[in-house]
PDB file of N, CA and C in Angstrom:
ATOM      1  N   MET A   1     -47.347 -54.433 -19.925  1.00  0.00           N
ATOM      2  CA  MET A   1     -46.005 -53.928 -19.648  1.00  0.00           C
ATOM      3  C   MET A   1     -45.567 -54.393 -18.270  1.00  0.00           C
ATOM      4  N   SER A   2     -44.430 -55.035 -18.204  1.00  0.00           N
ATOM      5  CA  SER A   2     -43.942 -55.489 -16.911  1.00  0.00           C
ATOM      6  C   SER A   2     -43.273 -54.329 -16.192  1.00  0.00           C
ATOM      7  N   ASP A   3     -43.570 -54.220 -14.931  1.00  0.00           N
ATOM      8  CA  ASP A   3     -43.085 -53.069 -14.159  1.00  0.00           C
ATOM      9  C   ASP A   3     -42.059 -53.545 -13.148  1.00  0.00           C
ATOM     10  N   LYS A   4     -40.849 -53.102 -13.298  1.00  0.00           N
ATOM     11  CA  LYS A   4     -39.755 -53.533 -12.427  1.00  0.00           C
ATOM     12  C   LYS A   4     -39.344 -52.445 -11.440  1.00  0.00           C
ATOM     13  N   SER A   5     -40.279 -51.608 -11.048  1.00  0.00           N
ATOM     14  CA  SER A   5     -39.996 -50.538 -10.079  1.00  0.00           C
ATOM     15  C   SER A   5     -38.836 -49.652 -10.519  1.00  0.00           C
ATOM     16  N   HIS A   6     -38.930 -49.154 -11.734  1.00  0.00           N
ATOM     17  CA  HIS A   6     -37.879 -48.261 -12.241  1.00  0.00           C
ATOM     18  C   HIS A   6     -38.398 -46.842 -12.490  1.00  0.00           C
ATOM     19  N   HIS A   7     -39.562 -46.530 -11.970  1.00  0.00           N
ATOM     20  CA  HIS A   7     -40.103 -45.183 -12.150  1.00  0.00           C
ATOM     21  C   HIS A   7     -39.661 -44.274 -11.006  1.00  0.00           C
ATOM     22  N   ASN A   8     -39.647 -42.983 -11.305  1.00  0.00           N
ATOM     23  CA  ASN A   8     -39.165 -41.996 -10.347  1.00  0.00           C
ATOM     24  C   ASN A   8     -40.054 -40.759 -10.351  1.00  0.00           C
ATOM     25  N   VAL A   9     -40.156 -40.130  -9.200  1.00  0.00           N
ATOM     26  CA  VAL A   9     -40.709 -38.781  -9.127  1.00  0.00           C
ATOM     27  C   VAL A   9     -39.511 -37.843  -9.044  1.00  0.00           C
ATOM     28  N   TYR A  10     -39.721 -36.591  -9.439  1.00  0.00           N
ATOM     29  CA  TYR A  10     -38.631 -35.619  -9.412  1.00  0.00           C
ATOM     30  C   TYR A  10     -39.187 -34.226  -9.208  1.00  0.00           C
ATOM     31  N   VAL A  11     -38.322 -33.324  -8.751  1.00  0.00           N
ATOM     32  CA  VAL A  11     -38.707 -31.940  -8.480  1.00  0.00           C
ATOM     33  C   VAL A  11     -37.672 -31.031  -9.129  1.00  0.00           C
ATOM     34  N   VAL A  12     -38.179 -30.039  -9.881  1.00  0.00           N
ATOM     35  CA  VAL A  12     -37.324 -29.070 -10.563  1.00  0.00           C
ATOM     36  C   VAL A  12     -37.546 -27.688  -9.951  1.00  0.00           C
ATOM     37  N   LEU A  13     -36.452 -26.999  -9.678  1.00  0.00           N
ATOM     38  CA  LEU A  13     -36.537 -25.608  -9.248  1.00  0.00           C
ATOM     39  C   LEU A  13     -36.824 -24.750 -10.475  1.00  0.00           C
ATOM     40  N   LEU A  14     -37.837 -23.895 -10.379  1.00  0.00           N
ATOM     41  CA  LEU A  14     -38.207 -23.005 -11.472  1.00  0.00           C
ATOM     42  C   LEU A  14     -37.804 -21.572 -11.151  1.00  0.00           C
ATOM     43  N   ASP A  15     -37.617 -20.789 -12.177  1.00  0.00           N
ATOM     44  CA  ASP A  15     -37.323 -19.369 -12.024  1.00  0.00           C
ATOM     45  C   ASP A  15     -38.467 -18.707 -11.258  1.00  0.00           C
ATOM     46  N   PRO A  16     -38.178 -17.776 -10.359  1.00  0.00           N
ATOM     47  CA  PRO A  16     -39.228 -17.117  -9.571  1.00  0.00           C
ATOM     48  C   PRO A  16     -40.296 -16.419 -10.412  1.00  0.00           C
ATOM     49  N   VAL A  17     -40.006 -16.086 -11.661  1.00  0.00           N
ATOM     50  CA  VAL A  17     -40.997 -15.424 -12.518  1.00  0.00           C
ATOM     51  C   VAL A  17     -42.275 -16.269 -12.654  1.00  0.00           C
ATOM     52  N   VAL A  18     -42.141 -17.583 -12.528  1.00  0.00           N
ATOM     53  CA  VAL A  18     -43.292 -18.487 -12.630  1.00  0.00           C
ATOM     54  C   VAL A  18     -44.321 -18.169 -11.544  1.00  0.00           C
ATOM     55  N   GLY A  19     -43.860 -17.773 -10.370  1.00  0.00           N
ATOM     56  CA  GLY A  19     -44.756 -17.458  -9.261  1.00  0.00           C
ATOM     57  C   GLY A  19     -45.658 -16.267  -9.506  1.00  0.00           C
ATOM     58  N   GLY A  20     -45.346 -15.461 -10.495  1.00  0.00           N
ATOM     59  CA  GLY A  20     -46.169 -14.302 -10.820  1.00  0.00           C
ATOM     60  C   GLY A  20     -47.175 -14.552 -11.935  1.00  0.00           C
ATOM     61  N   MET A  21     -47.183 -15.748 -12.488  1.00  0.00           N
ATOM     62  CA  MET A  21     -48.109 -16.072 -13.578  1.00  0.00           C
ATOM     63  C   MET A  21     -49.493 -16.360 -13.019  1.00  0.00           C
ATOM     64  N   SER A  22     -50.510 -15.748 -13.617  1.00  0.00           N
ATOM     65  CA  SER A  22     -51.861 -15.839 -13.052  1.00  0.00           C
ATOM     66  C   SER A  22     -52.361 -17.272 -12.920  1.00  0.00           C
ATOM     67  N   ARG A  23     -52.114 -18.132 -13.893  1.00  0.00           N
ATOM     68  CA  ARG A  23     -52.615 -19.510 -13.782  1.00  0.00           C
ATOM     69  C   ARG A  23     -51.901 -20.282 -12.682  1.00  0.00           C
ATOM     70  N   VAL A  24     -50.648 -19.942 -12.421  1.00  0.00           N
ATOM     71  CA  VAL A  24     -49.900 -20.592 -11.349  1.00  0.00           C
ATOM     72  C   VAL A  24     -50.399 -20.093  -9.995  1.00  0.00           C
ATOM     73  N   ILE A  25     -50.674 -18.810  -9.898  1.00  0.00           N
ATOM     74  CA  ILE A  25     -51.215 -18.246  -8.657  1.00  0.00           C
ATOM     75  C   ILE A  25     -52.549 -18.906  -8.323  1.00  0.00           C
ATOM     76  N   LYS A  26     -53.397 -19.115  -9.340  1.00  0.00           N
ATOM     77  CA  LYS A  26     -54.702 -19.767  -9.120  1.00  0.00           C
ATOM     78  C   LYS A  26     -54.548 -21.189  -8.608  1.00  0.00           C
ATOM     79  N   GLN A  27     -53.513 -21.902  -9.080  1.00  0.00           N
ATOM     80  CA  GLN A  27     -53.276 -23.284  -8.644  1.00  0.00           C
ATOM     81  C   GLN A  27     -52.667 -23.354  -7.249  1.00  0.00           C
ATOM     82  N   ASN A  28     -52.159 -22.240  -6.754  1.00  0.00           N
ATOM     83  CA  ASN A  28     -51.439 -22.216  -5.480  1.00  0.00           C
ATOM     84  C   ASN A  28     -51.927 -21.076  -4.592  1.00  0.00           C
ATOM     85  N   PRO A  29     -53.193 -21.105  -4.191  1.00  0.00           N
ATOM     86  CA  PRO A  29     -53.755 -19.982  -3.440  1.00  0.00           C
ATOM     87  C   PRO A  29     -53.108 -19.752  -2.069  1.00  0.00           C
ATOM     88  N   ARG A  30     -52.481 -20.777  -1.503  1.00  0.00           N
ATOM     89  CA  ARG A  30     -51.867 -20.632  -0.177  1.00  0.00           C
ATOM     90  C   ARG A  30     -50.348 -20.564  -0.250  1.00  0.00           C
ATOM     91  N   ARG A  31     -49.843 -20.159  -1.392  1.00  0.00           N
ATOM     92  CA  ARG A  31     -48.394 -20.150  -1.569  1.00  0.00           C
ATOM     93  C   ARG A  31     -47.720 -19.099  -0.703  1.00  0.00           C
ATOM     94  N   ASP A  32     -46.513 -19.403  -0.317  1.00  0.00           N
ATOM     95  CA  ASP A  32     -45.671 -18.465   0.415  1.00  0.00           C
ATOM     96  C   ASP A  32     -44.685 -17.907  -0.604  1.00  0.00           C
ATOM     97  N   PRO A  33     -44.814 -16.633  -0.986  1.00  0.00           N
ATOM     98  CA  PRO A  33     -43.944 -16.073  -2.029  1.00  0.00           C
ATOM     99  C   PRO A  33     -42.459 -16.107  -1.688  1.00  0.00           C
ATOM    100  N   ARG A  34     -42.129 -16.364  -0.429  1.00  0.00           N
ATOM    101  CA  ARG A  34     -40.714 -16.460  -0.037  1.00  0.00           C
ATOM    102  C   ARG A  34     -40.122 -17.823  -0.387  1.00  0.00           C
ATOM    103  N   LYS A  35     -41.004 -18.799  -0.647  1.00  0.00           N
ATOM    104  CA  LYS A  35     -40.537 -20.148  -0.992  1.00  0.00           C
ATOM    105  C   LYS A  35     -40.456 -20.281  -2.509  1.00  0.00           C
ATOM    106  N   PRO A  36     -39.565 -21.150  -2.981  1.00  0.00           N
ATOM    107  CA  PRO A  36     -39.361 -21.260  -4.430  1.00  0.00           C
ATOM    108  C   PRO A  36     -40.520 -21.896  -5.180  1.00  0.00           C
ATOM    109  N   CYS A  37     -40.489 -21.676  -6.491  1.00  0.00           N
ATOM    110  CA  CYS A  37     -41.436 -22.296  -7.414  1.00  0.00           C
ATOM    111  C   CYS A  37     -40.850 -23.631  -7.857  1.00  0.00           C
ATOM    112  N   LEU A  38     -41.695 -24.663  -7.897  1.00  0.00           N
ATOM    113  CA  LEU A  38     -41.250 -26.009  -8.204  1.00  0.00           C
ATOM    114  C   LEU A  38     -42.129 -26.656  -9.266  1.00  0.00           C
ATOM    115  N   TYR A  39     -41.557 -27.598  -9.980  1.00  0.00           N
ATOM    116  CA  TYR A  39     -42.309 -28.464 -10.879  1.00  0.00           C
ATOM    117  C   TYR A  39     -42.135 -29.883 -10.359  1.00  0.00           C
ATOM    118  N   VAL A  40     -43.232 -30.630 -10.236  1.00  0.00           N
ATOM    119  CA  VAL A  40     -43.182 -32.020  -9.792  1.00  0.00           C
ATOM    120  C   VAL A  40     -43.612 -32.903 -10.957  1.00  0.00           C
ATOM    121  N   GLY A  41     -42.818 -33.928 -11.233  1.00  0.00           N
ATOM    122  CA  GLY A  41     -43.140 -34.849 -12.317  1.00  0.00           C
ATOM    123  C   GLY A  41     -42.799 -36.278 -11.958  1.00  0.00           C
ATOM    124  N   MET A  42     -43.125 -37.189 -12.881  1.00  0.00           N
ATOM    125  CA  MET A  42     -42.765 -38.600 -12.730  1.00  0.00           C
ATOM    126  C   MET A  42     -42.279 -39.112 -14.068  1.00  0.00           C
ATOM    127  N   THR A  43     -41.438 -40.132 -14.022  1.00  0.00           N
ATOM    128  CA  THR A  43     -40.823 -40.631 -15.245  1.00  0.00           C
ATOM    129  C   THR A  43     -40.351 -42.073 -15.090  1.00  0.00           C
ATOM    130  N   GLY A  44     -40.219 -42.751 -16.208  1.00  0.00           N
ATOM    131  CA  GLY A  44     -39.596 -44.065 -16.250  1.00  0.00           C
ATOM    132  C   GLY A  44     -38.099 -43.959 -16.476  1.00  0.00           C
ATOM    133  N   LEU A  45     -37.632 -42.750 -16.713  1.00  0.00           N
ATOM    134  CA  LEU A  45     -36.203 -42.468 -16.887  1.00  0.00           C
ATOM    135  C   LEU A  45     -35.607 -42.052 -15.551  1.00  0.00           C
ATOM    136  N   THR A  46     -34.325 -41.773 -15.529  1.00  0.00           N
ATOM    137  CA  THR A  46     -33.760 -41.164 -14.328  1.00  0.00           C
ATOM    138  C   THR A  46     -34.220 -39.706 -14.314  1.00  0.00           C
ATOM    139  N   PRO A  47     -34.326 -39.093 -13.151  1.00  0.00           N
ATOM    140  CA  PRO A  47     -34.695 -37.674 -13.112  1.00  0.00           C
ATOM    141  C   PRO A  47     -33.757 -36.808 -13.961  1.00  0.00           C
ATOM    142  N   GLU A  48     -32.480 -37.133 -13.974  1.00  0.00           N
ATOM    143  CA  GLU A  48     -31.518 -36.353 -14.749  1.00  0.00           C
ATOM    144  C   GLU A  48     -31.797 -36.445 -16.251  1.00  0.00           C
ATOM    145  N   GLU A  49     -32.078 -37.668 -16.728  1.00  0.00           N
ATOM    146  CA  GLU A  49     -32.411 -37.838 -18.144  1.00  0.00           C
ATOM    147  C   GLU A  49     -33.693 -37.092 -18.497  1.00  0.00           C
ATOM    148  N   ARG A  50     -34.679 -37.178 -17.618  1.00  0.00           N
ATOM    149  CA  ARG A  50     -35.969 -36.527 -17.887  1.00  0.00           C
ATOM    150  C   ARG A  50     -35.813 -35.011 -17.927  1.00  0.00           C
ATOM    151  N   PHE A  51     -35.031 -34.460 -17.007  1.00  0.00           N
ATOM    152  CA  PHE A  51     -34.797 -33.016 -16.991  1.00  0.00           C
ATOM    153  C   PHE A  51     -34.151 -32.574 -18.313  1.00  0.00           C
ATOM    154  N   LYS A  52     -33.172 -33.321 -18.787  1.00  0.00           N
ATOM    155  CA  LYS A  52     -32.521 -32.986 -20.064  1.00  0.00           C
ATOM    156  C   LYS A  52     -33.524 -32.991 -21.213  1.00  0.00           C
ATOM    157  N   LYS A  53     -34.447 -33.951 -21.213  1.00  0.00           N
ATOM    158  CA  LYS A  53     -35.467 -34.003 -22.273  1.00  0.00           C
ATOM    159  C   LYS A  53     -36.395 -32.790 -22.192  1.00  0.00           C
ATOM    160  N   HIS A  54     -36.794 -32.408 -20.986  1.00  0.00           N
ATOM    161  CA  HIS A  54     -37.600 -31.189 -20.831  1.00  0.00           C
ATOM    162  C   HIS A  54     -36.879 -30.009 -21.485  1.00  0.00           C
ATOM    163  N   LYS A  55     -35.610 -29.846 -21.152  1.00  0.00           N
ATOM    164  CA  LYS A  55     -34.843 -28.692 -21.631  1.00  0.00           C
ATOM    165  C   LYS A  55     -34.653 -28.718 -23.153  1.00  0.00           C
ATOM    166  N   LYS A  56     -34.670 -29.929 -23.737  1.00  0.00           N
ATOM    167  CA  LYS A  56     -34.546 -30.062 -25.196  1.00  0.00           C
ATOM    168  C   LYS A  56     -35.894 -29.965 -25.903  1.00  0.00           C
ATOM    169  N   GLY A  57     -36.993 -29.856 -25.136  1.00  0.00           N
ATOM    170  CA  GLY A  57     -38.316 -29.755 -25.740  1.00  0.00           C
ATOM    171  C   GLY A  57     -38.929 -31.088 -26.105  1.00  0.00           C
ATOM    172  N   ILE A  58     -38.452 -32.178 -25.511  1.00  0.00           N
ATOM    173  CA  ILE A  58     -38.974 -33.513 -25.803  1.00  0.00           C
ATOM    174  C   ILE A  58     -40.003 -33.880 -24.739  1.00  0.00           C
ATOM    175  N   LYS A  59     -41.277 -33.977 -25.148  1.00  0.00           N
ATOM    176  CA  LYS A  59     -42.386 -34.266 -24.217  1.00  0.00           C
ATOM    177  C   LYS A  59     -42.236 -33.413 -22.960  1.00  0.00           C
ATOM    178  N   ASP A  60     -42.077 -32.150 -23.193  1.00  0.00           N
ATOM    179  CA  ASP A  60     -41.688 -31.236 -22.124  1.00  0.00           C
ATOM    180  C   ASP A  60     -42.865 -30.507 -21.491  1.00  0.00           C
ATOM    181  N   SER A  61     -42.595 -30.000 -20.311  1.00  0.00           N
ATOM    182  CA  SER A  61     -43.444 -28.996 -19.680  1.00  0.00           C
ATOM    183  C   SER A  61     -42.846 -27.657 -20.090  1.00  0.00           C
ATOM    184  N   THR A  62     -43.689 -26.754 -20.545  1.00  0.00           N
ATOM    185  CA  THR A  62     -43.215 -25.420 -20.910  1.00  0.00           C
ATOM    186  C   THR A  62     -42.538 -24.749 -19.716  1.00  0.00           C
ATOM    187  N   PHE A  63     -43.079 -24.992 -18.529  1.00  0.00           N
ATOM    188  CA  PHE A  63     -42.478 -24.399 -17.328  1.00  0.00           C
ATOM    189  C   PHE A  63     -41.026 -24.842 -17.165  1.00  0.00           C
ATOM    190  N   VAL A  64     -40.781 -26.137 -17.322  1.00  0.00           N
ATOM    191  CA  VAL A  64     -39.421 -26.644 -17.143  1.00  0.00           C
ATOM    192  C   VAL A  64     -38.538 -26.234 -18.320  1.00  0.00           C
ATOM    193  N   ARG A  65     -39.051 -26.347 -19.530  1.00  0.00           N
ATOM    194  CA  ARG A  65     -38.244 -25.978 -20.700  1.00  0.00           C
ATOM    195  C   ARG A  65     -37.786 -24.522 -20.618  1.00  0.00           C
ATOM    196  N   ASN A  66     -38.717 -23.623 -20.291  1.00  0.00           N
ATOM    197  CA  ASN A  66     -38.404 -22.194 -20.301  1.00  0.00           C
ATOM    198  C   ASN A  66     -37.873 -21.648 -18.983  1.00  0.00           C
ATOM    199  N   HIS A  67     -38.212 -22.292 -17.865  1.00  0.00           N
ATOM    200  CA  HIS A  67     -37.890 -21.711 -16.563  1.00  0.00           C
ATOM    201  C   HIS A  67     -37.203 -22.665 -15.587  1.00  0.00           C
ATOM    202  N   GLY A  68     -36.938 -23.909 -16.018  1.00  0.00           N
ATOM    203  CA  GLY A  68     -36.306 -24.882 -15.128  1.00  0.00           C
ATOM    204  C   GLY A  68     -34.846 -24.581 -14.888  1.00  0.00           C
ATOM    205  N   LYS A  69     -34.459 -24.569 -13.623  1.00  0.00           N
ATOM    206  CA  LYS A  69     -33.071 -24.278 -13.241  1.00  0.00           C
ATOM    207  C   LYS A  69     -32.274 -25.573 -13.042  1.00  0.00           C
ATOM    208  N   HIS A  70     -32.747 -26.411 -12.130  1.00  0.00           N
ATOM    209  CA  HIS A  70     -32.069 -27.677 -11.833  1.00  0.00           C
ATOM    210  C   HIS A  70     -32.972 -28.537 -10.966  1.00  0.00           C
ATOM    211  N   LEU A  71     -32.600 -29.804 -10.836  1.00  0.00           N
ATOM    212  CA  LEU A  71     -33.327 -30.732  -9.969  1.00  0.00           C
ATOM    213  C   LEU A  71     -33.010 -30.428  -8.510  1.00  0.00           C
ATOM    214  N   ILE A  72     -33.985 -30.691  -7.642  1.00  0.00           N
ATOM    215  CA  ILE A  72     -33.764 -30.563  -6.194  1.00  0.00           C
ATOM    216  C   ILE A  72     -33.886 -31.967  -5.601  1.00  0.00           C
ATOM    217  N   GLN A  73     -32.796 -32.696  -5.645  1.00  0.00           N
ATOM    218  CA  GLN A  73     -32.780 -34.110  -5.275  1.00  0.00           C
ATOM    219  C   GLN A  73     -33.245 -34.379  -3.848  1.00  0.00           C
ATOM    220  N   LYS A  74     -32.931 -33.493  -2.936  1.00  0.00           N
ATOM    221  CA  LYS A  74     -33.279 -33.765  -1.529  1.00  0.00           C
ATOM    222  C   LYS A  74     -34.785 -33.866  -1.314  1.00  0.00           C
ATOM    223  N   LEU A  75     -35.578 -33.352  -2.247  1.00  0.00           N
ATOM    224  CA  LEU A  75     -37.039 -33.411  -2.107  1.00  0.00           C
ATOM    225  C   LEU A  75     -37.644 -34.707  -2.643  1.00  0.00           C
ATOM    226  N   TYR A  76     -36.857 -35.517  -3.364  1.00  0.00           N
ATOM    227  CA  TYR A  76     -37.442 -36.719  -3.952  1.00  0.00           C
ATOM    228  C   TYR A  76     -36.571 -37.972  -3.915  1.00  0.00           C
ATOM    229  N   GLU A  77     -35.276 -37.856  -3.778  1.00  0.00           N
ATOM    230  CA  GLU A  77     -34.422 -39.029  -3.962  1.00  0.00           C
ATOM    231  C   GLU A  77     -34.730 -40.170  -2.984  1.00  0.00           C
ATOM    232  N   HIS A  78     -35.204 -39.849  -1.799  1.00  0.00           N
ATOM    233  CA  HIS A  78     -35.536 -40.878  -0.811  1.00  0.00           C
ATOM    234  C   HIS A  78     -36.787 -41.670  -1.195  1.00  0.00           C
ATOM    235  N   LEU A  79     -37.536 -41.199  -2.180  1.00  0.00           N
ATOM    236  CA  LEU A  79     -38.776 -41.854  -2.590  1.00  0.00           C
ATOM    237  C   LEU A  79     -38.569 -42.867  -3.720  1.00  0.00           C
ATOM    238  N   ASN A  80     -37.492 -42.747  -4.466  1.00  0.00           N
ATOM    239  CA  ASN A  80     -37.278 -43.516  -5.689  1.00  0.00           C
ATOM    240  C   ASN A  80     -36.406 -44.743  -5.462  1.00  0.00           C
ATOM    241  N   PRO A  81     -36.501 -45.762  -6.346  1.00  0.00           N
ATOM    242  CA  PRO A  81     -37.458 -45.956  -7.435  1.00  0.00           C
ATOM    243  C   PRO A  81     -38.742 -46.595  -6.922  1.00  0.00           C
ATOM    244  N   MET A  82     -39.720 -46.697  -7.818  1.00  0.00           N
ATOM    245  CA  MET A  82     -41.005 -47.302  -7.465  1.00  0.00           C
ATOM    246  C   MET A  82     -41.678 -47.799  -8.729  1.00  0.00           C
ATOM    247  N   SER A  83     -42.777 -48.494  -8.561  1.00  0.00           N
ATOM    248  CA  SER A  83     -43.538 -48.978  -9.709  1.00  0.00           C
ATOM    249  C   SER A  83     -44.255 -47.812 -10.382  1.00  0.00           C
ATOM    250  N   TYR A  84     -44.736 -48.039 -11.578  1.00  0.00           N
ATOM    251  CA  TYR A  84     -45.478 -47.006 -12.302  1.00  0.00           C
ATOM    252  C   TYR A  84     -46.681 -46.535 -11.481  1.00  0.00           C
ATOM    253  N   GLU A  85     -47.447 -47.484 -10.959  1.00  0.00           N
ATOM    254  CA  GLU A  85     -48.647 -47.134 -10.184  1.00  0.00           C
ATOM    255  C   GLU A  85     -48.298 -46.315  -8.956  1.00  0.00           C
ATOM    256  N   GLU A  86     -47.223 -46.697  -8.274  1.00  0.00           N
ATOM    257  CA  GLU A  86     -46.785 -45.937  -7.102  1.00  0.00           C
ATOM    258  C   GLU A  86     -46.343 -44.532  -7.508  1.00  0.00           C
ATOM    259  N   ALA A  87     -45.666 -44.431  -8.642  1.00  0.00           N
ATOM    260  CA  ALA A  87     -45.175 -43.127  -9.103  1.00  0.00           C
ATOM    261  C   ALA A  87     -46.326 -42.193  -9.459  1.00  0.00           C
ATOM    262  N   VAL A  88     -47.369 -42.731 -10.070  1.00  0.00           N
ATOM    263  CA  VAL A  88     -48.545 -41.909 -10.396  1.00  0.00           C
ATOM    264  C   VAL A  88     -49.133 -41.317  -9.115  1.00  0.00           C
ATOM    265  N   ARG A  89     -49.293 -42.153  -8.099  1.00  0.00           N
ATOM    266  CA  ARG A  89     -49.838 -41.680  -6.820  1.00  0.00           C
ATOM    267  C   ARG A  89     -48.877 -40.728  -6.112  1.00  0.00           C
ATOM    268  N   MET A  90     -47.586 -41.071  -6.124  1.00  0.00           N
ATOM    269  CA  MET A  90     -46.601 -40.266  -5.403  1.00  0.00           C
ATOM    270  C   MET A  90     -46.433 -38.887  -6.028  1.00  0.00           C
ATOM    271  N   GLU A  91     -46.531 -38.786  -7.342  1.00  0.00           N
ATOM    272  CA  GLU A  91     -46.423 -37.480  -8.003  1.00  0.00           C
ATOM    273  C   GLU A  91     -47.492 -36.531  -7.456  1.00  0.00           C
ATOM    274  N   LYS A  92     -48.724 -37.002  -7.368  1.00  0.00           N
ATOM    275  CA  LYS A  92     -49.821 -36.180  -6.839  1.00  0.00           C
ATOM    276  C   LYS A  92     -49.611 -35.873  -5.364  1.00  0.00           C
ATOM    277  N   ARG A  93     -49.217 -36.892  -4.612  1.00  0.00           N
ATOM    278  CA  ARG A  93     -49.024 -36.727  -3.164  1.00  0.00           C
ATOM    279  C   ARG A  93     -47.889 -35.751  -2.865  1.00  0.00           C
ATOM    280  N   LEU A  94     -46.782 -35.884  -3.584  1.00  0.00           N
ATOM    281  CA  LEU A  94     -45.638 -34.998  -3.366  1.00  0.00           C
ATOM    282  C   LEU A  94     -45.999 -33.554  -3.704  1.00  0.00           C
ATOM    283  N   ALA A  95     -46.693 -33.338  -4.820  1.00  0.00           N
ATOM    284  CA  ALA A  95     -47.102 -31.974  -5.198  1.00  0.00           C
ATOM    285  C   ALA A  95     -48.021 -31.380  -4.133  1.00  0.00           C
ATOM    286  N   ALA A  96     -48.988 -32.164  -3.661  1.00  0.00           N
ATOM    287  CA  ALA A  96     -49.913 -31.675  -2.638  1.00  0.00           C
ATOM    288  C   ALA A  96     -49.183 -31.352  -1.340  1.00  0.00           C
ATOM    289  N   ASN A  97     -48.236 -32.199  -0.955  1.00  0.00           N
ATOM    290  CA  ASN A  97     -47.473 -31.976   0.272  1.00  0.00           C
ATOM    291  C   ASN A  97     -46.625 -30.706   0.169  1.00  0.00           C
ATOM    292  N   LEU A  98     -45.996 -30.495  -0.975  1.00  0.00           N
ATOM    293  CA  LEU A  98     -45.186 -29.285  -1.149  1.00  0.00           C
ATOM    294  C   LEU A  98     -46.058 -28.032  -1.152  1.00  0.00           C
ATOM    295  N   ARG A  99     -47.247 -28.118  -1.747  1.00  0.00           N
ATOM    296  CA  ARG A  99     -48.187 -26.985  -1.707  1.00  0.00           C
ATOM    297  C   ARG A  99     -48.585 -26.671  -0.267  1.00  0.00           C
ATOM    298  N   ARG A 100     -48.856 -27.711   0.505  1.00  0.00           N
ATOM    299  CA  ARG A 100     -49.223 -27.501   1.922  1.00  0.00           C
ATOM    300  C   ARG A 100     -48.103 -26.808   2.684  1.00  0.00           C
ATOM    301  N   GLN A 101     -46.875 -27.028   2.270  1.00  0.00           N
ATOM    302  CA  GLN A 101     -45.726 -26.395   2.920  1.00  0.00           C
ATOM    303  C   GLN A 101     -45.495 -24.970   2.420  1.00  0.00           C
ATOM    304  N   GLY A 102     -46.310 -24.519   1.464  1.00  0.00           N
ATOM    305  CA  GLY A 102     -46.219 -23.150   0.986  1.00  0.00           C
ATOM    306  C   GLY A 102     -45.470 -22.955  -0.319  1.00  0.00           C
ATOM    307  N   TYR A 103     -44.950 -24.043  -0.889  1.00  0.00           N
ATOM    308  CA  TYR A 103     -44.258 -23.924  -2.176  1.00  0.00           C
ATOM    309  C   TYR A 103     -45.265 -23.624  -3.284  1.00  0.00           C
ATOM    310  N   THR A 104     -44.823 -22.942  -4.314  1.00  0.00           N
ATOM    311  CA  THR A 104     -45.617 -22.731  -5.521  1.00  0.00           C
ATOM    312  C   THR A 104     -45.291 -23.893  -6.443  1.00  0.00           C
ATOM    313  N   VAL A 105     -46.292 -24.724  -6.748  1.00  0.00           N
ATOM    314  CA  VAL A 105     -46.047 -25.979  -7.461  1.00  0.00           C
ATOM    315  C   VAL A 105     -46.817 -26.033  -8.771  1.00  0.00           C
ATOM    316  N   THR A 106     -46.117 -26.440  -9.836  1.00  0.00           N
ATOM    317  CA  THR A 106     -46.749 -26.783 -11.099  1.00  0.00           C
ATOM    318  C   THR A 106     -46.496 -28.274 -11.324  1.00  0.00           C
ATOM    319  N   GLY A 107     -47.210 -28.851 -12.286  1.00  0.00           N
ATOM    320  CA  GLY A 107     -47.083 -30.293 -12.515  1.00  0.00           C
ATOM    321  C   GLY A 107     -47.866 -31.038 -11.457  1.00  0.00           C
ATOM    322  N   GLY A 108     -47.367 -32.204 -11.094  1.00  0.00           N
ATOM    323  CA  GLY A 108     -48.036 -32.993 -10.055  1.00  0.00           C
ATOM    324  C   GLY A 108     -49.389 -33.510 -10.463  1.00  0.00           C
ATOM    325  N   HIS A 109     -49.527 -33.873 -11.724  1.00  0.00           N
ATOM    326  CA  HIS A 109     -50.811 -34.346 -12.254  1.00  0.00           C
ATOM    327  C   HIS A 109     -51.181 -35.613 -11.577  1.00  0.00           C
TER     328      HIS A 109
END
């Protein structure tokens, strides 16, 4: 597959109820409950297209489908676009960085 640097990372604001889920709490032991819950992902689509697919249940994260509010562009737009390999690394790096800042983060595989 030829890679033309069209991949993107993205961040979705989740409903605060996600922060009370036991598996999410376990993934975010240093979370600051005053900061929002986020989902971090990567895609070959635009972040907007990918968010719509999540909400329609197409290759979705249950967190985004059921609790996703909207994209938070200021957290990712300066990073995009990039190659697939860069996006795989950046998804993990962005999730880890947001966790260090106290956000409750899901995704970021």
